[in-house]
């Protein structure tokens, strides 16, 4: 929950639209769940930008794995 909140609030402070805020929160939470460490490696900016602009079908089919993002 903390990672989601951090992503959501960071996007809010940048003035992002509501959908982008939610997606940023989900991406931050997913990146956090991919690590066993206290602090995960941030997702590459290009990946985040692609997913923030994805249409609803692309977004719902995206999967984050330890090897990267899979868009089906």
N, C-alpha and C. Protein backbone atom coordinates (compact mmCIF):
# COMPACT_ATOMS: atom_id res chain seq x y z
N UNK A 1 0.78 -1.19 0.00
CA UNK A 1 0.00 0.00 0.00
C UNK A 1 0.84 1.27 0.00
N UNK A 2 1.96 1.25 0.71
CA UNK A 2 2.80 2.45 0.77
C UNK A 2 3.38 2.80 -0.59
N UNK A 3 3.80 1.79 -1.35
CA UNK A 3 4.38 2.06 -2.66
C UNK A 3 3.32 2.62 -3.61
N UNK A 4 2.11 2.06 -3.55
CA UNK A 4 1.03 2.59 -4.38
C UNK A 4 0.79 4.06 -4.03
N UNK A 5 0.68 4.33 -2.73
CA UNK A 5 0.42 5.70 -2.29
C UNK A 5 1.54 6.64 -2.74
N UNK A 6 2.78 6.18 -2.67
CA UNK A 6 3.91 7.02 -3.09
C UNK A 6 3.81 7.37 -4.57
N UNK A 7 3.52 6.38 -5.39
CA UNK A 7 3.39 6.63 -6.83
C UNK A 7 2.22 7.54 -7.14
N UNK A 8 1.09 7.28 -6.48
CA UNK A 8 -0.11 8.09 -6.70
C UNK A 8 0.13 9.54 -6.28
N UNK A 9 0.70 9.73 -5.10
CA UNK A 9 0.94 11.09 -4.61
C UNK A 9 1.98 11.83 -5.44
N UNK A 10 3.02 11.13 -5.88
CA UNK A 10 4.03 11.77 -6.73
C UNK A 10 3.39 12.26 -8.03
N UNK A 11 2.54 11.43 -8.62
CA UNK A 11 1.85 11.83 -9.85
C UNK A 11 0.90 12.98 -9.59
N UNK A 12 0.25 12.98 -8.44
CA UNK A 12 -0.66 14.07 -8.08
C UNK A 12 0.10 15.38 -7.97
N UNK A 13 1.26 15.35 -7.33
CA UNK A 13 2.07 16.56 -7.17
C UNK A 13 2.60 17.08 -8.50
N UNK A 14 2.77 16.18 -9.47
CA UNK A 14 3.19 16.61 -10.81
C UNK A 14 2.01 17.12 -11.64
N UNK A 15 0.80 17.03 -11.10
CA UNK A 15 -0.37 17.52 -11.82
C UNK A 15 -0.94 16.55 -12.83
N UNK A 16 -0.66 15.26 -12.66
CA UNK A 16 -1.14 14.25 -13.61
C UNK A 16 -2.66 14.10 -13.52
N UNK A 17 -3.24 13.63 -14.61
CA UNK A 17 -4.67 13.34 -14.65
C UNK A 17 -4.96 12.14 -13.74
N UNK A 18 -6.22 11.99 -13.31
CA UNK A 18 -6.57 10.89 -12.39
C UNK A 18 -6.15 9.50 -12.87
N UNK A 19 -6.36 9.19 -14.15
CA UNK A 19 -5.98 7.86 -14.66
C UNK A 19 -4.48 7.65 -14.55
N UNK A 20 -3.70 8.65 -14.89
CA UNK A 20 -2.24 8.54 -14.79
C UNK A 20 -1.80 8.39 -13.34
N UNK A 21 -2.50 9.03 -12.42
CA UNK A 21 -2.18 8.89 -10.99
C UNK A 21 -2.37 7.44 -10.55
N UNK A 22 -3.50 6.87 -10.93
CA UNK A 22 -3.78 5.47 -10.56
C UNK A 22 -2.75 4.53 -11.17
N UNK A 23 -2.46 4.73 -12.44
CA UNK A 23 -1.49 3.86 -13.11
C UNK A 23 -0.11 4.00 -12.49
N UNK A 24 0.30 5.21 -12.17
CA UNK A 24 1.61 5.42 -11.54
C UNK A 24 1.67 4.71 -10.19
N UNK A 25 0.59 4.77 -9.44
CA UNK A 25 0.54 4.05 -8.18
C UNK A 25 0.68 2.55 -8.37
N UNK A 26 -0.03 2.01 -9.35
CA UNK A 26 0.06 0.57 -9.62
C UNK A 26 1.45 0.17 -10.09
N UNK A 27 2.06 0.99 -10.94
CA UNK A 27 3.40 0.68 -11.42
C UNK A 27 4.42 0.70 -10.30
N UNK A 28 4.31 1.67 -9.41
CA UNK A 28 5.23 1.74 -8.27
C UNK A 28 5.06 0.53 -7.36
N UNK A 29 3.82 0.17 -7.10
CA UNK A 29 3.55 -1.00 -6.25
C UNK A 29 4.08 -2.27 -6.90
N UNK A 30 3.85 -2.43 -8.20
CA UNK A 30 4.33 -3.63 -8.90
C UNK A 30 5.85 -3.71 -8.88
N UNK A 31 6.52 -2.59 -9.10
CA UNK A 31 7.98 -2.59 -9.06
C UNK A 31 8.49 -2.99 -7.68
N UNK A 32 7.81 -2.55 -6.65
CA UNK A 32 8.20 -2.89 -5.28
C UNK A 32 8.02 -4.38 -5.01
N UNK A 33 6.98 -4.97 -5.56
CA UNK A 33 6.72 -6.39 -5.35
C UNK A 33 7.69 -7.29 -6.10
N UNK A 34 8.44 -6.75 -7.04
CA UNK A 34 9.38 -7.54 -7.82
C UNK A 34 10.74 -7.72 -7.15
N UNK A 35 10.93 -7.18 -5.96
CA UNK A 35 12.23 -7.27 -5.30
C UNK A 35 12.10 -7.91 -3.92
N UNK A 36 13.19 -8.52 -3.49
CA UNK A 36 13.26 -9.06 -2.14
C UNK A 36 13.94 -8.07 -1.20
N UNK A 37 14.47 -7.00 -1.78
CA UNK A 37 15.19 -5.99 -1.00
C UNK A 37 14.22 -4.96 -0.42
N UNK A 38 14.75 -4.10 0.41
CA UNK A 38 13.93 -3.04 1.00
C UNK A 38 13.51 -2.00 -0.03
N UNK A 39 14.39 -1.73 -0.97
CA UNK A 39 14.12 -0.73 -2.00
C UNK A 39 14.35 -1.37 -3.36
N UNK A 40 13.33 -1.34 -4.19
CA UNK A 40 13.44 -1.92 -5.52
C UNK A 40 14.06 -0.97 -6.52
N UNK A 41 14.45 -1.53 -7.64
CA UNK A 41 14.98 -0.73 -8.73
C UNK A 41 13.81 -0.09 -9.46
N UNK A 42 13.84 1.21 -9.68
CA UNK A 42 12.73 1.86 -10.39
C UNK A 42 12.59 1.29 -11.81
N UNK A 43 11.36 1.26 -12.28
CA UNK A 43 11.13 0.84 -13.66
C UNK A 43 11.75 1.88 -14.59
N UNK A 44 12.27 1.44 -15.74
CA UNK A 44 12.82 2.41 -16.70
C UNK A 44 11.77 3.44 -17.11
N UNK A 45 12.21 4.67 -17.28
CA UNK A 45 11.28 5.75 -17.64
C UNK A 45 10.53 5.46 -18.93
N UNK A 46 11.21 4.82 -19.88
CA UNK A 46 10.55 4.52 -21.15
C UNK A 46 9.40 3.53 -20.95
N UNK A 47 9.60 2.58 -20.05
CA UNK A 47 8.55 1.60 -19.76
C UNK A 47 7.37 2.29 -19.09
N UNK A 48 7.67 3.13 -18.11
CA UNK A 48 6.60 3.87 -17.41
C UNK A 48 5.84 4.74 -18.40
N UNK A 49 6.55 5.46 -19.25
CA UNK A 49 5.89 6.34 -20.22
C UNK A 49 4.99 5.55 -21.16
N UNK A 50 5.47 4.40 -21.62
CA UNK A 50 4.67 3.55 -22.51
C UNK A 50 3.40 3.09 -21.81
N UNK A 51 3.54 2.64 -20.58
CA UNK A 51 2.37 2.11 -19.86
C UNK A 51 1.40 3.22 -19.45
N UNK A 52 1.91 4.39 -19.15
CA UNK A 52 1.00 5.49 -18.81
C UNK A 52 0.17 5.92 -20.01
N UNK A 53 0.69 5.72 -21.21
CA UNK A 53 -0.02 6.10 -22.44
C UNK A 53 -0.79 4.94 -23.07
N UNK A 54 -0.70 3.76 -22.48
CA UNK A 54 -1.34 2.57 -23.06
C UNK A 54 -2.85 2.72 -23.09
N UNK A 55 -3.46 2.13 -24.13
CA UNK A 55 -4.92 2.13 -24.15
C UNK A 55 -5.42 1.09 -23.15
N UNK A 56 -6.69 1.09 -22.83
CA UNK A 56 -7.21 0.19 -21.79
C UNK A 56 -6.90 -1.29 -22.04
N UNK A 57 -6.96 -1.74 -23.29
CA UNK A 57 -6.65 -3.15 -23.58
C UNK A 57 -5.18 -3.46 -23.34
N UNK A 58 -4.29 -2.56 -23.78
CA UNK A 58 -2.86 -2.77 -23.55
C UNK A 58 -2.56 -2.77 -22.05
N UNK A 59 -3.14 -1.82 -21.33
CA UNK A 59 -2.90 -1.72 -19.89
C UNK A 59 -3.35 -3.00 -19.19
N UNK A 60 -4.52 -3.49 -19.52
CA UNK A 60 -5.05 -4.67 -18.82
C UNK A 60 -4.29 -5.94 -19.17
N UNK A 61 -3.58 -5.95 -20.29
CA UNK A 61 -2.83 -7.15 -20.67
C UNK A 61 -1.36 -7.07 -20.26
N UNK A 62 -0.90 -5.93 -19.77
CA UNK A 62 0.51 -5.77 -19.40
C UNK A 62 0.83 -6.59 -18.16
N UNK A 63 2.00 -7.19 -18.17
CA UNK A 63 2.47 -7.97 -17.04
C UNK A 63 3.90 -7.54 -16.71
N UNK A 64 4.16 -7.26 -15.45
CA UNK A 64 5.51 -6.95 -15.00
C UNK A 64 6.11 -8.22 -14.42
N UNK A 65 7.30 -8.56 -14.89
CA UNK A 65 8.00 -9.74 -14.40
C UNK A 65 9.41 -9.32 -13.99
N UNK A 66 10.13 -10.24 -13.42
CA UNK A 66 11.52 -9.97 -13.07
C UNK A 66 12.39 -9.66 -14.28
N UNK A 67 11.94 -10.11 -15.46
CA UNK A 67 12.68 -9.88 -16.69
C UNK A 67 12.26 -8.60 -17.40
N UNK A 68 11.18 -7.99 -16.96
CA UNK A 68 10.71 -6.76 -17.60
C UNK A 68 9.21 -6.75 -17.77
N UNK A 69 8.75 -5.94 -18.70
CA UNK A 69 7.32 -5.77 -18.95
C UNK A 69 6.94 -6.59 -20.17
N UNK A 70 5.83 -7.30 -20.05
CA UNK A 70 5.31 -8.08 -21.17
C UNK A 70 3.98 -7.46 -21.57
N UNK A 71 3.90 -7.00 -22.80
CA UNK A 71 2.64 -6.49 -23.35
C UNK A 71 2.12 -7.54 -24.32
N UNK A 72 0.93 -8.04 -24.04
CA UNK A 72 0.37 -9.08 -24.92
C UNK A 72 -0.73 -8.54 -25.79
